[in-house]
Amino acid sequence: MEKSTAQAIEDAIMELIDQIAPDVHYVAKYGGEVIAPDPDDDTKFVGGIFAYKDHVSLEFSEGASFEDPSGHLEGKGKNRRHLKFTSAGEVAGKEAMGFLKQALAGC
């Protein structure tokens, strides 16, 4: 994946996050950017954005508990789930806004 494509995907995800919770900040961790909802706490996060060779992944720490009627979330772990994107247009198509709202609810 070209760096510009990955950056466009990351920007689209961050724009959604800014609409939902403008005080959220990002911490470089695990080779990506984790989403820290508390501006005063860099140790608690709800997920992260990670660029890989062929896609960008939006990962949710507690995604297994999310409502996902369309079946967009991937992963089989105990708690974590993720969305994979290969274009910025997929961010809306895979309902990222709804999952981000679930992740940031109550933060």
PDB file of N, CA and C in Angstrom:
ATOM      1  N   MET A   1       0.849  -1.171   0.000  1.00  0.00           N
ATOM      2  CA  MET A   1       0.000   0.000   0.000  1.00  0.00           C
ATOM      3  C   MET A   1       0.897   1.238   0.000  1.00  0.00           C
ATOM      4  N   GLU A   2       0.530   2.189  -0.831  1.00  0.00           N
ATOM      5  CA  GLU A   2       1.297   3.429  -0.891  1.00  0.00           C
ATOM      6  C   GLU A   2       1.111   4.219   0.394  1.00  0.00           C
ATOM      7  N   LYS A   3       2.154   4.928   0.767  1.00  0.00           N
ATOM      8  CA  LYS A   3       2.115   5.703   2.000  1.00  0.00           C
ATOM      9  C   LYS A   3       0.989   6.747   1.973  1.00  0.00           C
ATOM     10  N   SER A   4       0.740   7.357   0.819  1.00  0.00           N
ATOM     11  CA  SER A   4      -0.315   8.365   0.721  1.00  0.00           C
ATOM     12  C   SER A   4      -1.703   7.752   0.943  1.00  0.00           C
ATOM     13  N   THR A   5      -1.896   6.520   0.495  1.00  0.00           N
ATOM     14  CA  THR A   5      -3.175   5.840   0.710  1.00  0.00           C
ATOM     15  C   THR A   5      -3.366   5.534   2.185  1.00  0.00           C
ATOM     16  N   ALA A   6      -2.318   5.026   2.808  1.00  0.00           N
ATOM     17  CA  ALA A   6      -2.384   4.733   4.243  1.00  0.00           C
ATOM     18  C   ALA A   6      -2.668   6.008   5.032  1.00  0.00           C
ATOM     19  N   GLN A   7      -2.022   7.097   4.658  1.00  0.00           N
ATOM     20  CA  GLN A   7      -2.228   8.362   5.363  1.00  0.00           C
ATOM     21  C   GLN A   7      -3.658   8.865   5.178  1.00  0.00           C
ATOM     22  N   ALA A   8      -4.222   8.708   3.989  1.00  0.00           N
ATOM     23  CA  ALA A   8      -5.602   9.129   3.735  1.00  0.00           C
ATOM     24  C   ALA A   8      -6.576   8.327   4.602  1.00  0.00           C
ATOM     25  N   ILE A   9      -6.323   7.046   4.768  1.00  0.00           N
ATOM     26  CA  ILE A   9      -7.172   6.201   5.617  1.00  0.00           C
ATOM     27  C   ILE A   9      -7.060   6.651   7.069  1.00  0.00           C
ATOM     28  N   GLU A  10      -5.831   6.842   7.528  1.00  0.00           N
ATOM     29  CA  GLU A  10      -5.622   7.285   8.908  1.00  0.00           C
ATOM     30  C   GLU A  10      -6.296   8.631   9.150  1.00  0.00           C
ATOM     31  N   ASP A  11      -6.176   9.546   8.200  1.00  0.00           N
ATOM     32  CA  ASP A  11      -6.803  10.861   8.336  1.00  0.00           C
ATOM     33  C   ASP A  11      -8.324  10.742   8.413  1.00  0.00           C
ATOM     34  N   ALA A  12      -8.908   9.868   7.602  1.00  0.00           N
ATOM     35  CA  ALA A  12     -10.360   9.680   7.612  1.00  0.00           C
ATOM     36  C   ALA A  12     -10.828   9.142   8.966  1.00  0.00           C
ATOM     37  N   ILE A  13     -10.077   8.211   9.526  1.00  0.00           N
ATOM     38  CA  ILE A  13     -10.422   7.655  10.838  1.00  0.00           C
ATOM     39  C   ILE A  13     -10.305   8.733  11.911  1.00  0.00           C
ATOM     40  N   MET A  14      -9.233   9.493  11.872  1.00  0.00           N
ATOM     41  CA  MET A  14      -9.019  10.537  12.880  1.00  0.00           C
ATOM     42  C   MET A  14     -10.074  11.646  12.785  1.00  0.00           C
ATOM     43  N   GLU A  15     -10.549  11.928  11.583  1.00  0.00           N
ATOM     44  CA  GLU A  15     -11.625  12.918  11.427  1.00  0.00           C
ATOM     45  C   GLU A  15     -12.894  12.439  12.127  1.00  0.00           C
ATOM     46  N   LEU A  16     -13.211  11.157  11.995  1.00  0.00           N
ATOM     47  CA  LEU A  16     -14.383  10.611  12.680  1.00  0.00           C
ATOM     48  C   LEU A  16     -14.216  10.712  14.191  1.00  0.00           C
ATOM     49  N   ILE A  17     -13.042  10.351  14.670  1.00  0.00           N
ATOM     50  CA  ILE A  17     -12.780  10.412  16.109  1.00  0.00           C
ATOM     51  C   ILE A  17     -12.931  11.838  16.612  1.00  0.00           C
ATOM     52  N   ASP A  18     -12.427  12.792  15.850  1.00  0.00           N
ATOM     53  CA  ASP A  18     -12.520  14.200  16.243  1.00  0.00           C
ATOM     54  C   ASP A  18     -13.976  14.654  16.328  1.00  0.00           C
ATOM     55  N   GLN A  19     -14.832  14.133  15.461  1.00  0.00           N
ATOM     56  CA  GLN A  19     -16.254  14.474  15.499  1.00  0.00           C
ATOM     57  C   GLN A  19     -16.933  13.913  16.753  1.00  0.00           C
ATOM     58  N   ILE A  20     -16.513  12.733  17.166  1.00  0.00           N
ATOM     59  CA  ILE A  20     -17.140  12.058  18.305  1.00  0.00           C
ATOM     60  C   ILE A  20     -16.599  12.566  19.637  1.00  0.00           C
ATOM     61  N   ALA A  21     -15.279  12.667  19.721  1.00  0.00           N
ATOM     62  CA  ALA A  21     -14.622  13.008  20.988  1.00  0.00           C
ATOM     63  C   ALA A  21     -13.387  13.868  20.700  1.00  0.00           C
ATOM     64  N   PRO A  22     -13.587  15.182  20.568  1.00  0.00           N
ATOM     65  CA  PRO A  22     -12.479  16.061  20.189  1.00  0.00           C
ATOM     66  C   PRO A  22     -11.303  16.104  21.172  1.00  0.00           C
ATOM     67  N   ASP A  23     -11.511  15.658  22.405  1.00  0.00           N
ATOM     68  CA  ASP A  23     -10.423  15.686  23.389  1.00  0.00           C
ATOM     69  C   ASP A  23      -9.521  14.455  23.332  1.00  0.00           C
ATOM     70  N   VAL A  24      -9.890  13.481  22.520  1.00  0.00           N
ATOM     71  CA  VAL A  24      -9.075  12.273  22.377  1.00  0.00           C
ATOM     72  C   VAL A  24      -7.691  12.659  21.856  1.00  0.00           C
ATOM     73  N   HIS A  25      -6.692  11.946  22.339  1.00  0.00           N
ATOM     74  CA  HIS A  25      -5.356  12.146  21.792  1.00  0.00           C
ATOM     75  C   HIS A  25      -4.762  10.788  21.438  1.00  0.00           C
ATOM     76  N   TYR A  26      -3.656  10.845  20.727  1.00  0.00           N
ATOM     77  CA  TYR A  26      -3.030   9.635  20.202  1.00  0.00           C
ATOM     78  C   TYR A  26      -1.646   9.477  20.814  1.00  0.00           C
ATOM     79  N   VAL A  27      -1.300   8.238  21.107  1.00  0.00           N
ATOM     80  CA  VAL A  27      -0.009   7.922  21.700  1.00  0.00           C
ATOM     81  C   VAL A  27       0.676   6.898  20.795  1.00  0.00           C
ATOM     82  N   ALA A  28       1.893   7.200  20.395  1.00  0.00           N
ATOM     83  CA  ALA A  28       2.648   6.249  19.582  1.00  0.00           C
ATOM     84  C   ALA A  28       2.962   5.014  20.434  1.00  0.00           C
ATOM     85  N   LYS A  29       2.459   3.863  19.986  1.00  0.00           N
ATOM     86  CA  LYS A  29       2.645   2.642  20.759  1.00  0.00           C
ATOM     87  C   LYS A  29       2.376   1.444  19.859  1.00  0.00           C
ATOM     88  N   TYR A  30       3.099   0.374  20.062  1.00  0.00           N
ATOM     89  CA  TYR A  30       2.894  -0.879  19.329  1.00  0.00           C
ATOM     90  C   TYR A  30       3.040  -0.720  17.815  1.00  0.00           C
ATOM     91  N   GLY A  31       3.804   0.250  17.372  1.00  0.00           N
ATOM     92  CA  GLY A  31       4.021   0.459  15.947  1.00  0.00           C
ATOM     93  C   GLY A  31       2.923   1.244  15.259  1.00  0.00           C
ATOM     94  N   GLY A  32       2.044   1.856  16.027  1.00  0.00           N
ATOM     95  CA  GLY A  32       0.960   2.657  15.473  1.00  0.00           C
ATOM     96  C   GLY A  32       0.604   3.775  16.427  1.00  0.00           C
ATOM     97  N   GLU A  33      -0.653   4.166  16.381  1.00  0.00           N
ATOM     98  CA  GLU A  33      -1.163   5.229  17.251  1.00  0.00           C
ATOM     99  C   GLU A  33      -2.333   4.662  18.046  1.00  0.00           C
ATOM    100  N   VAL A  34      -2.202   4.605  19.378  1.00  0.00           N
ATOM    101  CA  VAL A  34      -3.330   4.160  20.179  1.00  0.00           C
ATOM    102  C   VAL A  34      -4.222   5.358  20.491  1.00  0.00           C
ATOM    103  N   ILE A  35      -5.494   5.082  20.679  1.00  0.00           N
ATOM    104  CA  ILE A  35      -6.509   6.107  20.915  1.00  0.00           C
ATOM    105  C   ILE A  35      -6.733   6.218  22.414  1.00  0.00           C
ATOM    106  N   ALA A  36      -6.292   7.336  22.985  1.00  0.00           N
ATOM    107  CA  ALA A  36      -6.399   7.574  24.421  1.00  0.00           C
ATOM    108  C   ALA A  36      -7.498   8.616  24.674  1.00  0.00           C
ATOM    109  N   PRO A  37      -8.633   8.198  25.226  1.00  0.00           N
ATOM    110  CA  PRO A  37      -9.747   9.121  25.389  1.00  0.00           C
ATOM    111  C   PRO A  37      -9.556  10.168  26.486  1.00  0.00           C
ATOM    112  N   ASP A  38      -8.751   9.878  27.478  1.00  0.00           N
ATOM    113  CA  ASP A  38      -8.529  10.813  28.584  1.00  0.00           C
ATOM    114  C   ASP A  38      -7.279  11.636  28.294  1.00  0.00           C
ATOM    115  N   PRO A  39      -7.437  12.951  28.123  1.00  0.00           N
ATOM    116  CA  PRO A  39      -6.278  13.781  27.785  1.00  0.00           C
ATOM    117  C   PRO A  39      -5.190  13.797  28.861  1.00  0.00           C
ATOM    118  N   ASP A  40      -5.530  13.332  30.066  1.00  0.00           N
ATOM    119  CA  ASP A  40      -4.564  13.317  31.162  1.00  0.00           C
ATOM    120  C   ASP A  40      -3.986  11.938  31.448  1.00  0.00           C
ATOM    121  N   ASP A  41      -4.341  10.945  30.621  1.00  0.00           N
ATOM    122  CA  ASP A  41      -3.892   9.570  30.883  1.00  0.00           C
ATOM    123  C   ASP A  41      -3.468   8.887  29.588  1.00  0.00           C
ATOM    124  N   ASP A  42      -2.167   8.685  29.439  1.00  0.00           N
ATOM    125  CA  ASP A  42      -1.617   8.021  28.251  1.00  0.00           C
ATOM    126  C   ASP A  42      -1.593   6.503  28.386  1.00  0.00           C
ATOM    127  N   THR A  43      -2.036   5.977  29.516  1.00  0.00           N
ATOM    128  CA  THR A  43      -1.936   4.535  29.731  1.00  0.00           C
ATOM    129  C   THR A  43      -3.242   3.796  29.468  1.00  0.00           C
ATOM    130  N   LYS A  44      -4.341   4.521  29.351  1.00  0.00           N
ATOM    131  CA  LYS A  44      -5.641   3.889  29.105  1.00  0.00           C
ATOM    132  C   LYS A  44      -6.074   4.222  27.683  1.00  0.00           C
ATOM    133  N   PHE A  45      -6.363   3.194  26.896  1.00  0.00           N
ATOM    134  CA  PHE A  45      -6.762   3.429  25.513  1.00  0.00           C
ATOM    135  C   PHE A  45      -7.857   2.464  25.101  1.00  0.00           C
ATOM    136  N   VAL A  46      -8.605   2.858  24.061  1.00  0.00           N
ATOM    137  CA  VAL A  46      -9.753   2.053  23.597  1.00  0.00           C
ATOM    138  C   VAL A  46      -9.459   1.295  22.315  1.00  0.00           C
ATOM    139  N   GLY A  47      -8.319   1.549  21.716  1.00  0.00           N
ATOM    140  CA  GLY A  47      -7.961   0.893  20.463  1.00  0.00           C
ATOM    141  C   GLY A  47      -6.812   1.613  19.809  1.00  0.00           C
ATOM    142  N   GLY A  48      -6.647   1.397  18.516  1.00  0.00           N
ATOM    143  CA  GLY A  48      -5.545   2.046  17.824  1.00  0.00           C
ATOM    144  C   GLY A  48      -5.655   1.934  16.318  1.00  0.00           C
ATOM    145  N   ILE A  49      -4.785   2.698  15.672  1.00  0.00           N
ATOM    146  CA  ILE A  49      -4.711   2.735  14.207  1.00  0.00           C
ATOM    147  C   ILE A  49      -3.315   2.244  13.822  1.00  0.00           C
ATOM    148  N   PHE A  50      -3.267   1.229  12.975  1.00  0.00           N
ATOM    149  CA  PHE A  50      -1.993   0.615  12.621  1.00  0.00           C
ATOM    150  C   PHE A  50      -1.911   0.398  11.117  1.00  0.00           C
ATOM    151  N   ALA A  51      -0.823   0.843  10.513  1.00  0.00           N
ATOM    152  CA  ALA A  51      -0.602   0.665   9.078  1.00  0.00           C
ATOM    153  C   ALA A  51       0.252  -0.580   8.855  1.00  0.00           C
ATOM    154  N   TYR A  52      -0.200  -1.432   7.973  1.00  0.00           N
ATOM    155  CA  TYR A  52       0.512  -2.642   7.591  1.00  0.00           C
ATOM    156  C   TYR A  52       0.849  -2.575   6.104  1.00  0.00           C
ATOM    157  N   LYS A  53       1.482  -3.585   5.589  1.00  0.00           N
ATOM    158  CA  LYS A  53       1.917  -3.602   4.191  1.00  0.00           C
ATOM    159  C   LYS A  53       0.748  -3.430   3.214  1.00  0.00           C
ATOM    160  N   ASP A  54      -0.361  -4.118   3.465  1.00  0.00           N
ATOM    161  CA  ASP A  54      -1.474  -4.134   2.513  1.00  0.00           C
ATOM    162  C   ASP A  54      -2.751  -3.451   2.995  1.00  0.00           C
ATOM    163  N   HIS A  55      -2.767  -2.973   4.243  1.00  0.00           N
ATOM    164  CA  HIS A  55      -3.989  -2.359   4.775  1.00  0.00           C
ATOM    165  C   HIS A  55      -3.677  -1.505   6.004  1.00  0.00           C
ATOM    166  N   VAL A  56      -4.673  -0.741   6.409  1.00  0.00           N
ATOM    167  CA  VAL A  56      -4.635  -0.030   7.688  1.00  0.00           C
ATOM    168  C   VAL A  56      -5.700  -0.671   8.554  1.00  0.00           C
ATOM    169  N   SER A  57      -5.360  -0.920   9.802  1.00  0.00           N
ATOM    170  CA  SER A  57      -6.265  -1.583  10.718  1.00  0.00           C
ATOM    171  C   SER A  57      -6.703  -0.613  11.813  1.00  0.00           C
ATOM    172  N   LEU A  58      -8.000  -0.566  12.062  1.00  0.00           N
ATOM    173  CA  LEU A  58      -8.558   0.160  13.192  1.00  0.00           C
ATOM    174  C   LEU A  58      -8.942  -0.911  14.195  1.00  0.00           C
ATOM    175  N   GLU A  59      -8.238  -0.932  15.317  1.00  0.00           N
ATOM    176  CA  GLU A  59      -8.406  -2.010  16.278  1.00  0.00           C
ATOM    177  C   GLU A  59      -9.094  -1.495  17.540  1.00  0.00           C
ATOM    178  N   PHE A  60      -9.934  -2.343  18.102  1.00  0.00           N
ATOM    179  CA  PHE A  60     -10.713  -1.987  19.284  1.00  0.00           C
ATOM    180  C   PHE A  60     -10.383  -2.946  20.422  1.00  0.00           C
ATOM    181  N   SER A  61      -9.988  -2.393  21.557  1.00  0.00           N
ATOM    182  CA  SER A  61      -9.589  -3.197  22.710  1.00  0.00           C
ATOM    183  C   SER A  61     -10.715  -4.093  23.220  1.00  0.00           C
ATOM    184  N   GLU A  62     -11.948  -3.599  23.190  1.00  0.00           N
ATOM    185  CA  GLU A  62     -13.098  -4.359  23.675  1.00  0.00           C
ATOM    186  C   GLU A  62     -14.114  -4.623  22.562  1.00  0.00           C
ATOM    187  N   GLY A  63     -13.636  -4.770  21.353  1.00  0.00           N
ATOM    188  CA  GLY A  63     -14.502  -4.922  20.194  1.00  0.00           C
ATOM    189  C   GLY A  63     -15.390  -6.146  20.204  1.00  0.00           C
ATOM    190  N   ALA A  64     -15.011  -7.171  20.937  1.00  0.00           N
ATOM    191  CA  ALA A  64     -15.835  -8.385  20.992  1.00  0.00           C
ATOM    192  C   ALA A  64     -17.198  -8.110  21.613  1.00  0.00           C
ATOM    193  N   SER A  65     -17.304  -7.042  22.393  1.00  0.00           N
ATOM    194  CA  SER A  65     -18.570  -6.721  23.044  1.00  0.00           C
ATOM    195  C   SER A  65     -19.446  -5.779  22.211  1.00  0.00           C
ATOM    196  N   PHE A  66     -18.962  -5.331  21.064  1.00  0.00           N
ATOM    197  CA  PHE A  66     -19.691  -4.367  20.234  1.00  0.00           C
ATOM    198  C   PHE A  66     -20.839  -5.027  19.476  1.00  0.00           C
ATOM    199  N   GLU A  67     -21.871  -4.231  19.254  1.00  0.00           N
ATOM    200  CA  GLU A  67     -22.925  -4.655  18.341  1.00  0.00           C
ATOM    201  C   GLU A  67     -22.377  -4.536  16.923  1.00  0.00           C
ATOM    202  N   ASP A  68     -22.543  -5.585  16.119  1.00  0.00           N
ATOM    203  CA  ASP A  68     -22.006  -5.625  14.758  1.00  0.00           C
ATOM    204  C   ASP A  68     -22.964  -6.393  13.853  1.00  0.00           C
ATOM    205  N   PRO A  69     -24.157  -5.841  13.624  1.00  0.00           N
ATOM    206  CA  PRO A  69     -25.156  -6.584  12.842  1.00  0.00           C
ATOM    207  C   PRO A  69     -24.743  -6.860  11.404  1.00  0.00           C
ATOM    208  N   SER A  70     -23.872  -6.038  10.822  1.00  0.00           N
ATOM    209  CA  SER A  70     -23.450  -6.246   9.439  1.00  0.00           C
ATOM    210  C   SER A  70     -22.228  -7.145   9.320  1.00  0.00           C
ATOM    211  N   GLY A  71     -21.628  -7.513  10.440  1.00  0.00           N
ATOM    212  CA  GLY A  71     -20.488  -8.430  10.433  1.00  0.00           C
ATOM    213  C   GLY A  71     -19.199  -7.853   9.877  1.00  0.00           C
ATOM    214  N   HIS A  72     -18.947  -6.568  10.103  1.00  0.00           N
ATOM    215  CA  HIS A  72     -17.730  -5.934   9.593  1.00  0.00           C
ATOM    216  C   HIS A  72     -16.491  -6.217  10.451  1.00  0.00           C
ATOM    217  N   LEU A  73     -16.673  -6.413  11.741  1.00  0.00           N
ATOM    218  CA  LEU A  73     -15.518  -6.620  12.617  1.00  0.00           C
ATOM    219  C   LEU A  73     -14.864  -7.973  12.352  1.00  0.00           C
ATOM    220  N   GLU A  74     -13.542  -7.964  12.389  1.00  0.00           N
ATOM    221  CA  GLU A  74     -12.778  -9.187  12.189  1.00  0.00           C
ATOM    222  C   GLU A  74     -12.035  -9.529  13.469  1.00  0.00           C
ATOM    223  N   GLY A  75     -11.633 -10.777  13.587  1.00  0.00           N
ATOM    224  CA  GLY A  75     -10.859 -11.229  14.734  1.00  0.00           C
ATOM    225  C   GLY A  75     -11.640 -12.217  15.570  1.00  0.00           C
ATOM    226  N   LYS A  76     -10.914 -13.059  16.253  1.00  0.00           N
ATOM    227  CA  LYS A  76     -11.538 -14.107  17.051  1.00  0.00           C
ATOM    228  C   LYS A  76     -11.014 -14.126  18.481  1.00  0.00           C
ATOM    229  N   GLY A  77     -10.241 -13.113  18.863  1.00  0.00           N
ATOM    230  CA  GLY A  77      -9.680 -13.071  20.211  1.00  0.00           C
ATOM    231  C   GLY A  77     -10.741 -12.887  21.272  1.00  0.00           C
ATOM    232  N   LYS A  78     -10.347 -12.996  22.517  1.00  0.00           N
ATOM    233  CA  LYS A  78     -11.267 -12.883  23.638  1.00  0.00           C
ATOM    234  C   LYS A  78     -11.931 -11.505  23.679  1.00  0.00           C
ATOM    235  N   ASN A  79     -11.172 -10.430  23.415  1.00  0.00           N
ATOM    236  CA  ASN A  79     -11.699  -9.074  23.528  1.00  0.00           C
ATOM    237  C   ASN A  79     -11.564  -8.230  22.270  1.00  0.00           C
ATOM    238  N   ARG A  80     -10.420  -8.320  21.622  1.00  0.00           N
ATOM    239  CA  ARG A  80     -10.102  -7.404  20.523  1.00  0.00           C
ATOM    240  C   ARG A  80     -10.816  -7.781  19.225  1.00  0.00           C
ATOM    241  N   ARG A  81     -11.171  -6.735  18.471  1.00  0.00           N
ATOM    242  CA  ARG A  81     -11.679  -6.887  17.113  1.00  0.00           C
ATOM    243  C   ARG A  81     -11.111  -5.741  16.287  1.00  0.00           C
ATOM    244  N   HIS A  82     -11.139  -5.881  14.963  1.00  0.00           N
ATOM    245  CA  HIS A  82     -10.563  -4.848  14.111  1.00  0.00           C
ATOM    246  C   HIS A  82     -11.316  -4.744  12.782  1.00  0.00           C
ATOM    247  N   LEU A  83     -11.084  -3.614  12.136  1.00  0.00           N
ATOM    248  CA  LEU A  83     -11.546  -3.371  10.779  1.00  0.00           C
ATOM    249  C   LEU A  83     -10.311  -3.176   9.914  1.00  0.00           C
ATOM    250  N   LYS A  84     -10.302  -3.738   8.718  1.00  0.00           N
ATOM    251  CA  LYS A  84      -9.195  -3.549   7.777  1.00  0.00           C
ATOM    252  C   LYS A  84      -9.662  -2.655   6.642  1.00  0.00           C
ATOM    253  N   PHE A  85      -8.818  -1.684   6.274  1.00  0.00           N
ATOM    254  CA  PHE A  85      -9.134  -0.759   5.191  1.00  0.00           C
ATOM    255  C   PHE A  85      -8.015  -0.751   4.158  1.00  0.00           C
ATOM    256  N   THR A  86      -8.399  -0.739   2.880  1.00  0.00           N
ATOM    257  CA  THR A  86      -7.425  -0.591   1.796  1.00  0.00           C
ATOM    258  C   THR A  86      -7.629   0.715   1.040  1.00  0.00           C
ATOM    259  N   SER A  87      -8.693   1.458   1.407  1.00  0.00           N
ATOM    260  CA  SER A  87      -8.932   2.779   0.824  1.00  0.00           C
ATOM    261  C   SER A  87      -9.678   3.632   1.840  1.00  0.00           C
ATOM    262  N   ALA A  88      -9.582   4.946   1.698  1.00  0.00           N
ATOM    263  CA  ALA A  88     -10.259   5.859   2.620  1.00  0.00           C
ATOM    264  C   ALA A  88     -11.772   5.722   2.502  1.00  0.00           C
ATOM    265  N   GLY A  89     -12.274   5.378   1.324  1.00  0.00           N
ATOM    266  CA  GLY A  89     -13.703   5.210   1.124  1.00  0.00           C
ATOM    267  C   GLY A  89     -14.301   4.083   1.942  1.00  0.00           C
ATOM    268  N   GLU A  90     -13.513   3.101   2.275  1.00  0.00           N
ATOM    269  CA  GLU A  90     -14.005   1.975   3.073  1.00  0.00           C
ATOM    270  C   GLU A  90     -14.309   2.366   4.518  1.00  0.00           C
ATOM    271  N   VAL A  91     -13.746   3.458   4.981  1.00  0.00           N
ATOM    272  CA  VAL A  91     -13.942   3.863   6.373  1.00  0.00           C
ATOM    273  C   VAL A  91     -15.435   4.061   6.653  1.00  0.00           C
ATOM    274  N   ALA A  92     -16.136   4.746   5.766  1.00  0.00           N
ATOM    275  CA  ALA A  92     -17.586   4.928   5.931  1.00  0.00           C
ATOM    276  C   ALA A  92     -18.330   3.633   5.621  1.00  0.00           C
ATOM    277  N   GLY A  93     -17.896   2.921   4.599  1.00  0.00           N
ATOM    278  CA  GLY A  93     -18.578   1.706   4.171  1.00  0.00           C
ATOM    279  C   GLY A  93     -18.576   0.599   5.200  1.00  0.00           C
ATOM    280  N   LYS A  94     -17.561   0.556   6.043  1.00  0.00           N
ATOM    281  CA  LYS A  94     -17.487  -0.478   7.074  1.00  0.00           C
ATOM    282  C   LYS A  94     -17.990   0.026   8.424  1.00  0.00           C
ATOM    283  N   GLU A  95     -18.716   1.136   8.384  1.00  0.00           N
ATOM    284  CA  GLU A  95     -19.392   1.661   9.574  1.00  0.00           C
ATOM    285  C   GLU A  95     -18.445   1.982  10.734  1.00  0.00           C
ATOM    286  N   ALA A  96     -17.271   2.521  10.411  1.00  0.00           N
ATOM    287  CA  ALA A  96     -16.294   2.843  11.445  1.00  0.00           C
ATOM    288  C   ALA A  96     -16.851   3.815  12.480  1.00  0.00           C
ATOM    289  N   MET A  97     -17.680   4.769  12.046  1.00  0.00           N
ATOM    290  CA  MET A  97     -18.244   5.751  12.972  1.00  0.00           C
ATOM    291  C   MET A  97     -19.006   5.060  14.103  1.00  0.00           C
ATOM    292  N   GLY A  98     -19.838   4.107  13.776  1.00  0.00           N
ATOM    293  CA  GLY A  98     -20.620   3.401  14.791  1.00  0.00           C
ATOM    294  C   GLY A  98     -19.747   2.645  15.779  1.00  0.00           C
ATOM    295  N   PHE A  99     -18.694   2.014  15.278  1.00  0.00           N
ATOM    296  CA  PHE A  99     -17.805   1.271  16.173  1.00  0.00           C
ATOM    297  C   PHE A  99     -16.990   2.221  17.047  1.00  0.00           C
ATOM    298  N   LEU A 100     -16.570   3.348  16.478  1.00  0.00           N
ATOM    299  CA  LEU A 100     -15.842   4.336  17.276  1.00  0.00           C
ATOM    300  C   LEU A 100     -16.744   4.918  18.366  1.00  0.00           C
ATOM    301  N   LYS A 101     -18.006   5.135  18.051  1.00  0.00           N
ATOM    302  CA  LYS A 101     -18.946   5.623  19.074  1.00  0.00           C
ATOM    303  C   LYS A 101     -19.079   4.609  20.201  1.00  0.00           C
ATOM    304  N   GLN A 102     -19.137   3.331  19.845  1.00  0.00           N
ATOM    305  CA  GLN A 102     -19.214   2.296  20.887  1.00  0.00           C
ATOM    306  C   GLN A 102     -17.950   2.273  21.729  1.00  0.00           C
ATOM    307  N   ALA A 103     -16.809   2.414  21.072  1.00  0.00           N
ATOM    308  CA  ALA A 103     -15.527   2.367  21.800  1.00  0.00           C
ATOM    309  C   ALA A 103     -15.371   3.568  22.731  1.00  0.00           C
ATOM    310  N   LEU A 104     -15.860   4.720  22.298  1.00  0.00           N
ATOM    311  CA  LEU A 104     -15.659   5.953  23.058  1.00  0.00           C
ATOM    312  C   LEU A 104     -16.827   6.292  23.982  1.00  0.00           C
ATOM    313  N   ALA A 105     -17.875   5.488  23.976  1.00  0.00           N
ATOM    314  CA  ALA A 105     -19.023   5.731  24.847  1.00  0.00           C
ATOM    315  C   ALA A 105     -18.583   5.679  26.312  1.00  0.00           C
ATOM    316  N   GLY A 106     -18.966   6.672  27.036  1.00  0.00           N
ATOM    317  CA  GLY A 106     -18.643   6.696  28.457  1.00  0.00           C
ATOM    318  C   GLY A 106     -17.241   7.138  28.785  1.00  0.00           C
ATOM    319  N   CYS A 107     -16.502   7.553  27.784  1.00  0.00           N
ATOM    320  CA  CYS A 107     -15.122   8.019  28.040  1.00  0.00           C
ATOM    321  C   CYS A 107     -15.105   9.502  28.307  1.00  0.00           C
TER     322      CYS A 107
END
